[in-house]
Amino acid sequence: MTLEMVSSNKSFGGWHRQYRHHSETLGCPMRLAVFLPPQAEQGPVPALYWLSGLTCTDENFMQKAGAQRVAAELGIALIAPDTSPRGEGVADDPAYDLGMGAGFYLNATQTPWAAHYRMYDYVTRELPALLEATLPVSGQRAISGHSMGGHGALIAALREPGRYRSVSAFSPISHPMDCPWGQKAFTAYLGAEQDRWREWDSVQLLRERGAPALPCRVEVGLDDPFLAEQLGIDTLAEAARAAGWPVQIERHAGYDHSYYFVASFIEAHLRFHARHLGA
């Protein structure tokens, strides 16, 4: 596997770069963004993998979150993959919450999605292996994300806590089995049998597998229009408490679901991860 550089921009003494490569896991070309802090010139640095939400690409977080300044100070690489496979021959749907831009970070089993939609294996296996072999990025990993990407970060950490030093999420879809976004995606990608859904639901993973030895922080805005119907934050808090997982959940009056919210608290998340990455 090889990386082709698409663009490169100096930023806070480091480099923001877009890359393209062919994904064997997804069976299509993929684009991603990487911010390498200035410390990467001296050797491999720890990495925060950021998973974005519905309709996003690799560009949203890098352009809107304002994370590069603090990442450069802390010596942490930022890695932002796309949110789904894309391209000719890749299944899609006219709706914004299914198909391209809406991969939900799982491994699809249903036709026509199973041919390409294996985002879980891509973000947890193929992409880290590729980047750690070709860029000055170490195997010290943290994971975070927003909305659908918060769901992706939580399930990755809960399913495989040994792969990450810490996990955080902004406005995560915490209990997708019990919300419209999750039910629609899971039915399409995994089929109607709900027993197949359980391994892709953070609340169910906590209930059935217990708490990981992994620090976790969750941020949510109390003026988020999706808070009551889609996110399941209170259910996540209850499941974490019952499992004995000391998740730090911060609730903020006046904040919504947007990147204005993410940008307001991304520094706190980066410093949280830095403590556990040894950065």
C-alpha atoms as a PDB file:
ATOM      1  CA  MET A   1       0.000   0.000   0.000  1.00  0.00           C
ATOM      2  CA  THR A   2       1.252   3.482  -0.858  1.00  0.00           C
ATOM      3  CA  LEU A   3       0.182   7.005   0.014  1.00  0.00           C
ATOM      4  CA  GLU A   4      -0.119   9.677  -2.667  1.00  0.00           C
ATOM      5  CA  MET A   5       0.097  13.234  -1.364  1.00  0.00           C
ATOM      6  CA  VAL A   6      -2.728  15.429  -2.686  1.00  0.00           C
ATOM      7  CA  SER A   7      -1.903  18.699  -0.907  1.00  0.00           C
ATOM      8  CA  SER A   8       0.444  20.074   1.743  1.00  0.00           C
ATOM      9  CA  ASN A   9       0.141  23.246   3.850  1.00  0.00           C
ATOM     10  CA  LYS A  10       2.392  24.549   6.607  1.00  0.00           C
ATOM     11  CA  SER A  11       0.450  25.075   9.836  1.00  0.00           C
ATOM     12  CA  PHE A  12       1.708  26.045  13.332  1.00  0.00           C
ATOM     13  CA  GLY A  13       5.178  24.768  12.485  1.00  0.00           C
ATOM     14  CA  GLY A  14       3.853  21.424  11.285  1.00  0.00           C
ATOM     15  CA  TRP A  15       2.144  20.210   8.132  1.00  0.00           C
ATOM     16  CA  HIS A  16      -1.451  19.605   7.174  1.00  0.00           C
ATOM     17  CA  ARG A  17      -1.487  17.112   4.334  1.00  0.00           C
ATOM     18  CA  GLN A  18      -4.138  15.327   2.328  1.00  0.00           C
ATOM     19  CA  TYR A  19      -3.361  11.865   1.039  1.00  0.00           C
ATOM     20  CA  ARG A  20      -5.019   9.404  -1.286  1.00  0.00           C
ATOM     21  CA  HIS A  21      -4.561   5.633  -1.369  1.00  0.00           C
ATOM     22  CA  HIS A  22      -6.330   2.523  -2.539  1.00  0.00           C
ATOM     23  CA  SER A  23      -8.025   0.687   0.320  1.00  0.00           C
ATOM     24  CA  GLU A  24      -8.005  -3.082   0.067  1.00  0.00           C
ATOM     25  CA  THR A  25     -10.538  -3.240   2.905  1.00  0.00           C
ATOM     26  CA  LEU A  26     -13.054  -0.957   1.196  1.00  0.00           C
ATOM     27  CA  GLY A  27     -12.208  -1.821  -2.393  1.00  0.00           C
ATOM     28  CA  CYS A  28     -11.976   1.803  -3.532  1.00  0.00           C
ATOM     29  CA  PRO A  29      -9.708   4.869  -3.406  1.00  0.00           C
ATOM     30  CA  MET A  30      -9.813   6.775  -0.109  1.00  0.00           C
ATOM     31  CA  ARG A  31      -8.741  10.272   0.857  1.00  0.00           C
ATOM     32  CA  LEU A  32      -7.661  11.309   4.339  1.00  0.00           C
ATOM     33  CA  ALA A  33      -6.085  14.259   6.122  1.00  0.00           C
ATOM     34  CA  VAL A  34      -3.096  14.197   8.465  1.00  0.00           C
ATOM     35  CA  PHE A  35      -1.656  16.986  10.595  1.00  0.00           C
ATOM     36  CA  LEU A  36       1.949  16.270  11.541  1.00  0.00           C
ATOM     37  CA  PRO A  37       3.211  18.497  14.376  1.00  0.00           C
ATOM     38  CA  PRO A  38       6.730  19.933  14.221  1.00  0.00           C
ATOM     39  CA  GLN A  39       7.966  17.231  16.642  1.00  0.00           C
ATOM     40  CA  ALA A  40       7.406  14.645  13.877  1.00  0.00           C
ATOM     41  CA  GLU A  41      10.577  15.934  12.215  1.00  0.00           C
ATOM     42  CA  GLN A  42      12.513  14.354  15.091  1.00  0.00           C
ATOM     43  CA  GLY A  43      10.746  10.981  15.048  1.00  0.00           C
ATOM     44  CA  PRO A  44       7.361   9.241  15.374  1.00  0.00           C
ATOM     45  CA  VAL A  45       4.695  11.012  17.407  1.00  0.00           C
ATOM     46  CA  PRO A  46       1.478   9.682  19.013  1.00  0.00           C
ATOM     47  CA  ALA A  47      -1.730  10.077  17.022  1.00  0.00           C
ATOM     48  CA  LEU A  48      -5.324  11.063  17.639  1.00  0.00           C
ATOM     49  CA  TYR A  49      -7.691   9.461  15.134  1.00  0.00           C
ATOM     50  CA  TRP A  50     -10.716  11.683  14.524  1.00  0.00           C
ATOM     51  CA  LEU A  51     -13.942  10.195  13.138  1.00  0.00           C
ATOM     52  CA  SER A  52     -16.333  12.743  11.657  1.00  0.00           C
ATOM     53  CA  GLY A  53     -20.125  12.721  11.481  1.00  0.00           C
ATOM     54  CA  LEU A  54     -22.846  12.383   8.878  1.00  0.00           C
ATOM     55  CA  THR A  55     -22.198  14.101   5.509  1.00  0.00           C
ATOM     56  CA  CYS A  56     -18.597  14.981   6.445  1.00  0.00           C
ATOM     57  CA  THR A  57     -15.326  14.231   4.673  1.00  0.00           C
ATOM     58  CA  ASP A  58     -11.716  14.442   5.866  1.00  0.00           C
ATOM     59  CA  GLU A  59     -11.915  18.230   5.509  1.00  0.00           C
ATOM     60  CA  ASN A  60     -14.534  19.248   8.089  1.00  0.00           C
ATOM     61  CA  PHE A  61     -12.546  18.653  11.255  1.00  0.00           C
ATOM     62  CA  MET A  62      -9.266  19.982   9.884  1.00  0.00           C
ATOM     63  CA  GLN A  63     -10.835  23.190   8.591  1.00  0.00           C
ATOM     64  CA  LYS A  64     -13.355  23.931  11.358  1.00  0.00           C
ATOM     65  CA  ALA A  65     -12.183  22.513  14.690  1.00  0.00           C
ATOM     66  CA  GLY A  66      -9.085  24.686  15.161  1.00  0.00           C
ATOM     67  CA  ALA A  67      -7.139  21.759  16.591  1.00  0.00           C
ATOM     68  CA  GLN A  68      -3.750  22.245  14.926  1.00  0.00           C
ATOM     69  CA  ARG A  69      -2.351  24.894  17.264  1.00  0.00           C
ATOM     70  CA  VAL A  70      -2.725  22.768  20.386  1.00  0.00           C
ATOM     71  CA  ALA A  71      -1.740  19.556  18.592  1.00  0.00           C
ATOM     72  CA  ALA A  72       1.471  21.285  17.492  1.00  0.00           C
ATOM     73  CA  GLU A  73       2.185  22.356  21.069  1.00  0.00           C
ATOM     74  CA  LEU A  74       1.535  18.855  22.436  1.00  0.00           C
ATOM     75  CA  GLY A  75       3.278  16.933  19.664  1.00  0.00           C
ATOM     76  CA  ILE A  76       0.234  14.913  18.601  1.00  0.00           C
ATOM     77  CA  ALA A  77      -0.581  13.947  15.019  1.00  0.00           C
ATOM     78  CA  LEU A  78      -4.206  14.394  13.937  1.00  0.00           C
ATOM     79  CA  ILE A  79      -5.617  11.838  11.525  1.00  0.00           C
ATOM     80  CA  ALA A  80      -8.993  12.398   9.867  1.00  0.00           C
ATOM     81  CA  PRO A  81     -10.239   9.666   7.519  1.00  0.00           C
ATOM     82  CA  ASP A  82     -13.304  10.027   5.331  1.00  0.00           C
ATOM     83  CA  THR A  83     -16.661   8.896   6.703  1.00  0.00           C
ATOM     84  CA  SER A  84     -17.413   6.217   4.099  1.00  0.00           C
ATOM     85  CA  PRO A  85     -16.177   4.550   0.946  1.00  0.00           C
ATOM     86  CA  ARG A  86     -16.792   6.596  -2.190  1.00  0.00           C
ATOM     87  CA  GLY A  87     -16.508   6.336  -5.944  1.00  0.00           C
ATOM     88  CA  GLU A  88     -17.836   4.585  -8.983  1.00  0.00           C
ATOM     89  CA  GLY A  89     -19.477   1.284  -8.125  1.00  0.00           C
ATOM     90  CA  VAL A  90     -19.861   2.109  -4.411  1.00  0.00           C
ATOM     91  CA  ALA A  91     -23.446   1.749  -3.187  1.00  0.00           C
ATOM     92  CA  ASP A  92     -25.212   4.972  -2.209  1.00  0.00           C
ATOM     93  CA  ASP A  93     -28.601   6.308  -1.170  1.00  0.00           C
ATOM     94  CA  PRO A  94     -30.257   9.676  -1.888  1.00  0.00           C
ATOM     95  CA  ALA A  95     -30.730  10.349   1.833  1.00  0.00           C
ATOM     96  CA  TYR A  96     -27.996  12.156   3.768  1.00  0.00           C
ATOM     97  CA  ASP A  97     -27.994   9.556   6.566  1.00  0.00           C
ATOM     98  CA  LEU A  98     -27.290   6.423   4.513  1.00  0.00           C
ATOM     99  CA  GLY A  99     -24.610   5.522   1.987  1.00  0.00           C
ATOM    100  CA  MET A 100     -21.744   7.833   1.059  1.00  0.00           C
ATOM    101  CA  GLY A 101     -20.898  10.122   3.948  1.00  0.00           C
ATOM    102  CA  ALA A 102     -22.764   7.842   6.360  1.00  0.00           C
ATOM    103  CA  GLY A 103     -20.705   4.690   6.827  1.00  0.00           C
ATOM    104  CA  PHE A 104     -21.422   4.454  10.600  1.00  0.00           C
ATOM    105  CA  TYR A 105     -17.984   2.891  11.218  1.00  0.00           C
ATOM    106  CA  LEU A 106     -19.238  -0.689  11.104  1.00  0.00           C
ATOM    107  CA  ASN A 107     -18.701  -3.702   8.835  1.00  0.00           C
ATOM    108  CA  ALA A 108     -21.788  -4.117   6.668  1.00  0.00           C
ATOM    109  CA  THR A 109     -23.126  -7.602   6.010  1.00  0.00           C
ATOM    110  CA  GLN A 110     -26.062  -6.849   3.691  1.00  0.00           C
ATOM    111  CA  THR A 111     -26.237  -6.403  -0.087  1.00  0.00           C
ATOM    112  CA  PRO A 112     -25.298  -4.018  -1.685  1.00  0.00           C
ATOM    113  CA  TRP A 113     -23.397  -2.455   1.220  1.00  0.00           C
ATOM    114  CA  ALA A 114     -21.176  -5.393   2.212  1.00  0.00           C
ATOM    115  CA  ALA A 115     -19.002  -5.043  -0.893  1.00  0.00           C
ATOM    116  CA  HIS A 116     -17.466  -1.739   0.302  1.00  0.00           C
ATOM    117  CA  TYR A 117     -18.833  -0.598   3.656  1.00  0.00           C
ATOM    118  CA  ARG A 118     -16.282  -1.998   6.106  1.00  0.00           C
ATOM    119  CA  MET A 119     -15.324   1.254   7.797  1.00  0.00           C
ATOM    120  CA  TYR A 120     -14.651  -0.370  11.173  1.00  0.00           C
ATOM    121  CA  ASP A 121     -11.884  -2.553   9.788  1.00  0.00           C
ATOM    122  CA  TYR A 122     -10.577   0.386   7.762  1.00  0.00           C
ATOM    123  CA  VAL A 123     -10.210   2.860  10.643  1.00  0.00           C
ATOM    124  CA  THR A 124      -9.052   0.366  13.272  1.00  0.00           C
ATOM    125  CA  ARG A 125      -6.828  -1.899  11.151  1.00  0.00           C
ATOM    126  CA  GLU A 126      -5.862  -0.897   7.634  1.00  0.00           C
ATOM    127  CA  LEU A 127      -5.380   2.832   8.098  1.00  0.00           C
ATOM    128  CA  PRO A 128      -3.232   2.705  11.275  1.00  0.00           C
ATOM    129  CA  ALA A 129      -1.052  -0.025   9.762  1.00  0.00           C
ATOM    130  CA  LEU A 130      -0.529   2.042   6.617  1.00  0.00           C
ATOM    131  CA  LEU A 131       0.246   5.308   8.403  1.00  0.00           C
ATOM    132  CA  GLU A 132       2.521   3.777  11.018  1.00  0.00           C
ATOM    133  CA  ALA A 133       4.521   2.129   8.245  1.00  0.00           C
ATOM    134  CA  THR A 134       4.869   5.220   6.050  1.00  0.00           C
ATOM    135  CA  LEU A 135       4.651   8.363   8.235  1.00  0.00           C
ATOM    136  CA  PRO A 136       6.342   9.455  11.487  1.00  0.00           C
ATOM    137  CA  VAL A 137       3.321   8.255  13.477  1.00  0.00           C
ATOM    138  CA  SER A 138       3.724   5.825  16.361  1.00  0.00           C
ATOM    139  CA  GLY A 139       1.514   3.030  17.651  1.00  0.00           C
ATOM    140  CA  GLN A 140       0.431   5.190  20.590  1.00  0.00           C
ATOM    141  CA  ARG A 141      -3.147   5.924  19.553  1.00  0.00           C
ATOM    142  CA  ALA A 142      -6.144   7.790  20.914  1.00  0.00           C
ATOM    143  CA  ILE A 143      -9.518   8.048  19.216  1.00  0.00           C
ATOM    144  CA  SER A 144     -12.240  10.685  19.161  1.00  0.00           C
ATOM    145  CA  GLY A 145     -15.123  11.802  17.000  1.00  0.00           C
ATOM    146  CA  HIS A 146     -18.314  13.794  16.578  1.00  0.00           C
ATOM    147  CA  SER A 147     -21.906  12.546  16.314  1.00  0.00           C
ATOM    148  CA  MET A 148     -21.782   9.444  14.066  1.00  0.00           C
ATOM    149  CA  GLY A 149     -18.019   9.635  14.549  1.00  0.00           C
ATOM    150  CA  GLY A 150     -18.454   9.782  18.315  1.00  0.00           C
ATOM    151  CA  HIS A 151     -20.358   6.518  17.970  1.00  0.00           C
ATOM    152  CA  GLY A 152     -17.459   5.139  15.922  1.00  0.00           C
ATOM    153  CA  ALA A 153     -14.869   6.205  18.483  1.00  0.00           C
ATOM    154  CA  LEU A 154     -16.789   4.695  21.392  1.00  0.00           C
ATOM    155  CA  ILE A 155     -17.408   1.332  19.748  1.00  0.00           C
ATOM    156  CA  ALA A 156     -13.779   1.068  18.619  1.00  0.00           C
ATOM    157  CA  ALA A 157     -12.583   1.753  22.151  1.00  0.00           C
ATOM    158  CA  LEU A 158     -15.101  -0.593  23.759  1.00  0.00           C
ATOM    159  CA  ARG A 159     -14.504  -3.448  21.331  1.00  0.00           C
ATOM    160  CA  GLU A 160     -10.704  -3.144  21.392  1.00  0.00           C
ATOM    161  CA  PRO A 161      -9.505  -1.022  24.302  1.00  0.00           C
ATOM    162  CA  GLY A 162      -5.947  -2.319  23.930  1.00  0.00           C
ATOM    163  CA  ARG A 163      -5.581  -0.482  20.620  1.00  0.00           C
ATOM    164  CA  TYR A 164      -6.072   2.953  22.219  1.00  0.00           C
ATOM    165  CA  ARG A 165      -4.760   4.875  25.209  1.00  0.00           C
ATOM    166  CA  SER A 166      -7.891   7.023  25.575  1.00  0.00           C
ATOM    167  CA  VAL A 167     -11.205   7.833  23.898  1.00  0.00           C
ATOM    168  CA  SER A 168     -13.408  10.905  23.705  1.00  0.00           C
ATOM    169  CA  ALA A 169     -16.516  11.971  21.851  1.00  0.00           C
ATOM    170  CA  PHE A 170     -18.524  15.071  21.015  1.00  0.00           C
ATOM    171  CA  SER A 171     -22.314  14.582  20.856  1.00  0.00           C
ATOM    172  CA  PRO A 172     -21.987  10.847  20.164  1.00  0.00           C
ATOM    173  CA  ILE A 173     -24.813   8.646  18.896  1.00  0.00           C
ATOM    174  CA  SER A 174     -24.425   6.540  22.012  1.00  0.00           C
ATOM    175  CA  HIS A 175     -27.297   4.051  21.694  1.00  0.00           C
ATOM    176  CA  PRO A 176     -27.919   3.677  17.936  1.00  0.00           C
ATOM    177  CA  MET A 177     -30.197   0.655  18.413  1.00  0.00           C
ATOM    178  CA  ASP A 178     -32.652   3.026  20.064  1.00  0.00           C
ATOM    179  CA  CYS A 179     -32.616   6.072  17.776  1.00  0.00           C
ATOM    180  CA  PRO A 180     -33.848   6.808  14.229  1.00  0.00           C
ATOM    181  CA  TRP A 181     -30.405   7.401  12.716  1.00  0.00           C
ATOM    182  CA  GLY A 182     -29.023   4.167  14.085  1.00  0.00           C
ATOM    183  CA  GLN A 183     -32.073   2.038  13.349  1.00  0.00           C
ATOM    184  CA  LYS A 184     -32.129   3.152   9.727  1.00  0.00           C
ATOM    185  CA  ALA A 185     -28.406   2.538   9.183  1.00  0.00           C
ATOM    186  CA  PHE A 186     -28.298  -0.749  11.084  1.00  0.00           C
ATOM    187  CA  THR A 187     -31.301  -2.150   9.206  1.00  0.00           C
ATOM    188  CA  ALA A 188     -29.675  -1.330   5.864  1.00  0.00           C
ATOM    189  CA  TYR A 189     -26.110  -2.358   6.684  1.00  0.00           C
ATOM    190  CA  LEU A 190     -26.689  -5.261   9.088  1.00  0.00           C
ATOM    191  CA  GLY A 191     -30.222  -6.513   8.361  1.00  0.00           C
ATOM    192  CA  ALA A 192     -33.427  -6.448  10.374  1.00  0.00           C
ATOM    193  CA  GLU A 193     -32.308  -8.975  13.017  1.00  0.00           C
ATOM    194  CA  GLN A 194     -31.431  -6.795  15.988  1.00  0.00           C
ATOM    195  CA  ASP A 195     -29.151  -9.359  17.627  1.00  0.00           C
ATOM    196  CA  ARG A 196     -26.663  -8.418  14.889  1.00  0.00           C
ATOM    197  CA  TRP A 197     -26.794  -4.807  15.990  1.00  0.00           C
ATOM    198  CA  ARG A 198     -25.617  -5.288  19.554  1.00  0.00           C
ATOM    199  CA  GLU A 199     -21.875  -5.394  18.850  1.00  0.00           C
ATOM    200  CA  TRP A 200     -22.092  -1.976  17.157  1.00  0.00           C
ATOM    201  CA  ASP A 201     -23.896  -0.176  19.998  1.00  0.00           C
ATOM    202  CA  SER A 202     -21.907   1.466  22.801  1.00  0.00           C
ATOM    203  CA  VAL A 203     -24.595   1.048  25.446  1.00  0.00           C
ATOM    204  CA  GLN A 204     -25.043  -2.636  24.608  1.00  0.00           C
ATOM    205  CA  LEU A 205     -21.296  -3.207  24.614  1.00  0.00           C
ATOM    206  CA  LEU A 206     -21.067  -1.725  28.103  1.00  0.00           C
ATOM    207  CA  ARG A 207     -23.991  -3.812  29.316  1.00  0.00           C
ATOM    208  CA  GLU A 208     -22.652  -7.052  27.880  1.00  0.00           C
ATOM    209  CA  ARG A 209     -18.855  -6.696  28.033  1.00  0.00           C
ATOM    210  CA  GLY A 210     -18.383  -4.357  30.948  1.00  0.00           C
ATOM    211  CA  ALA A 211     -16.088  -1.381  31.338  1.00  0.00           C
ATOM    212  CA  PRO A 212     -12.688  -1.113  29.639  1.00  0.00           C
ATOM    213  CA  ALA A 213      -9.618   0.130  31.457  1.00  0.00           C
ATOM    214  CA  LEU A 214      -9.635   3.210  29.281  1.00  0.00           C
ATOM    215  CA  PRO A 215     -10.080   6.915  30.113  1.00  0.00           C
ATOM    216  CA  CYS A 216     -13.113   8.465  28.404  1.00  0.00           C
ATOM    217  CA  ARG A 217     -14.463  12.006  28.066  1.00  0.00           C
ATOM    218  CA  VAL A 218     -17.786  12.955  26.439  1.00  0.00           C
ATOM    219  CA  GLU A 219     -18.896  16.487  25.567  1.00  0.00           C
ATOM    220  CA  VAL A 220     -22.485  17.435  24.750  1.00  0.00           C
ATOM    221  CA  GLY A 221     -24.379  20.687  24.236  1.00  0.00           C
ATOM    222  CA  LEU A 222     -27.682  21.034  26.023  1.00  0.00           C
ATOM    223  CA  ASP A 223     -29.129  23.019  23.100  1.00  0.00           C
ATOM    224  CA  ASP A 224     -28.264  20.249  20.645  1.00  0.00           C
ATOM    225  CA  PRO A 225     -31.434  19.660  18.569  1.00  0.00           C
ATOM    226  CA  PHE A 226     -30.605  15.934  18.364  1.00  0.00           C
ATOM    227  CA  LEU A 227     -29.965  15.461  22.077  1.00  0.00           C
ATOM    228  CA  ALA A 228     -33.282  13.897  23.103  1.00  0.00           C
ATOM    229  CA  GLU A 229     -34.107  11.798  20.031  1.00  0.00           C
ATOM    230  CA  GLN A 230     -30.763  10.682  18.628  1.00  0.00           C
ATOM    231  CA  LEU A 231     -27.858  10.797  21.088  1.00  0.00           C
ATOM    232  CA  GLY A 232     -28.818   8.733  24.162  1.00  0.00           C
ATOM    233  CA  ILE A 233     -26.322  10.464  26.458  1.00  0.00           C
ATOM    234  CA  ASP A 234     -28.246   9.741  29.655  1.00  0.00           C
ATOM    235  CA  THR A 235     -28.528   6.071  28.706  1.00  0.00           C
ATOM    236  CA  LEU A 236     -24.783   5.975  28.073  1.00  0.00           C
ATOM    237  CA  ALA A 237     -24.153   7.554  31.477  1.00  0.00           C
ATOM    238  CA  GLU A 238     -26.378   4.975  33.163  1.00  0.00           C
ATOM    239  CA  ALA A 239     -24.705   2.057  31.365  1.00  0.00           C
ATOM    240  CA  ALA A 240     -21.238   3.373  32.194  1.00  0.00           C
ATOM    241  CA  ARG A 241     -22.166   3.845  35.839  1.00  0.00           C
ATOM    242  CA  ALA A 242     -23.608   0.324  36.067  1.00  0.00           C
ATOM    243  CA  ALA A 243     -20.472  -1.120  34.433  1.00  0.00           C
ATOM    244  CA  GLY A 244     -18.149   0.867  36.680  1.00  0.00           C
ATOM    245  CA  TRP A 245     -16.638   2.927  33.870  1.00  0.00           C
ATOM    246  CA  PRO A 246     -15.816   6.419  35.186  1.00  0.00           C
ATOM    247  CA  VAL A 247     -16.723   8.306  32.009  1.00  0.00           C
ATOM    248  CA  GLN A 248     -16.336  12.071  32.283  1.00  0.00           C
ATOM    249  CA  ILE A 249     -19.483  13.583  30.718  1.00  0.00           C
ATOM    250  CA  GLU A 250     -19.519  17.377  30.370  1.00  0.00           C
ATOM    251  CA  ARG A 251     -22.839  19.064  29.552  1.00  0.00           C
ATOM    252  CA  HIS A 252     -22.842  22.681  28.319  1.00  0.00           C
ATOM    253  CA  ALA A 253     -25.810  25.037  28.266  1.00  0.00           C
ATOM    254  CA  GLY A 254     -26.364  26.976  25.039  1.00  0.00           C
ATOM    255  CA  TYR A 255     -24.196  24.793  22.775  1.00  0.00           C
ATOM    256  CA  ASP A 256     -25.576  22.903  19.783  1.00  0.00           C
ATOM    257  CA  HIS A 257     -24.405  20.094  17.471  1.00  0.00           C
ATOM    258  CA  SER A 258     -22.162  22.174  15.221  1.00  0.00           C
ATOM    259  CA  TYR A 259     -18.419  22.592  14.792  1.00  0.00           C
ATOM    260  CA  TYR A 260     -18.726  25.830  16.767  1.00  0.00           C
ATOM    261  CA  PHE A 261     -19.334  23.500  19.715  1.00  0.00           C
ATOM    262  CA  VAL A 262     -16.475  21.179  18.762  1.00  0.00           C
ATOM    263  CA  ALA A 263     -14.073  24.104  18.333  1.00  0.00           C
ATOM    264  CA  SER A 264     -15.031  25.457  21.756  1.00  0.00           C
ATOM    265  CA  PHE A 265     -13.849  22.342  23.603  1.00  0.00           C
ATOM    266  CA  ILE A 266     -11.343  20.608  21.315  1.00  0.00           C
ATOM    267  CA  GLU A 267      -8.413  21.974  23.316  1.00  0.00           C
ATOM    268  CA  ALA A 268      -9.693  20.308  26.483  1.00  0.00           C
ATOM    269  CA  HIS A 269      -9.977  17.004  24.604  1.00  0.00           C
ATOM    270  CA  LEU A 270      -6.494  17.253  23.130  1.00  0.00           C
ATOM    271  CA  ARG A 271      -5.000  17.927  26.546  1.00  0.00           C
ATOM    272  CA  PHE A 272      -7.025  15.024  27.963  1.00  0.00           C
ATOM    273  CA  HIS A 273      -5.584  12.681  25.336  1.00  0.00           C
ATOM    274  CA  ALA A 274      -2.066  14.073  25.709  1.00  0.00           C
ATOM    275  CA  ARG A 275      -1.986  13.042  29.381  1.00  0.00           C
ATOM    276  CA  HIS A 276      -2.687   9.440  28.423  1.00  0.00           C
ATOM    277  CA  LEU A 277      -0.512   9.379  25.297  1.00  0.00           C
ATOM    278  CA  GLY A 278       2.508  10.624  27.181  1.00  0.00           C
ATOM    279  CA  ALA A 279       2.781  13.555  24.783  1.00  0.00           C
END
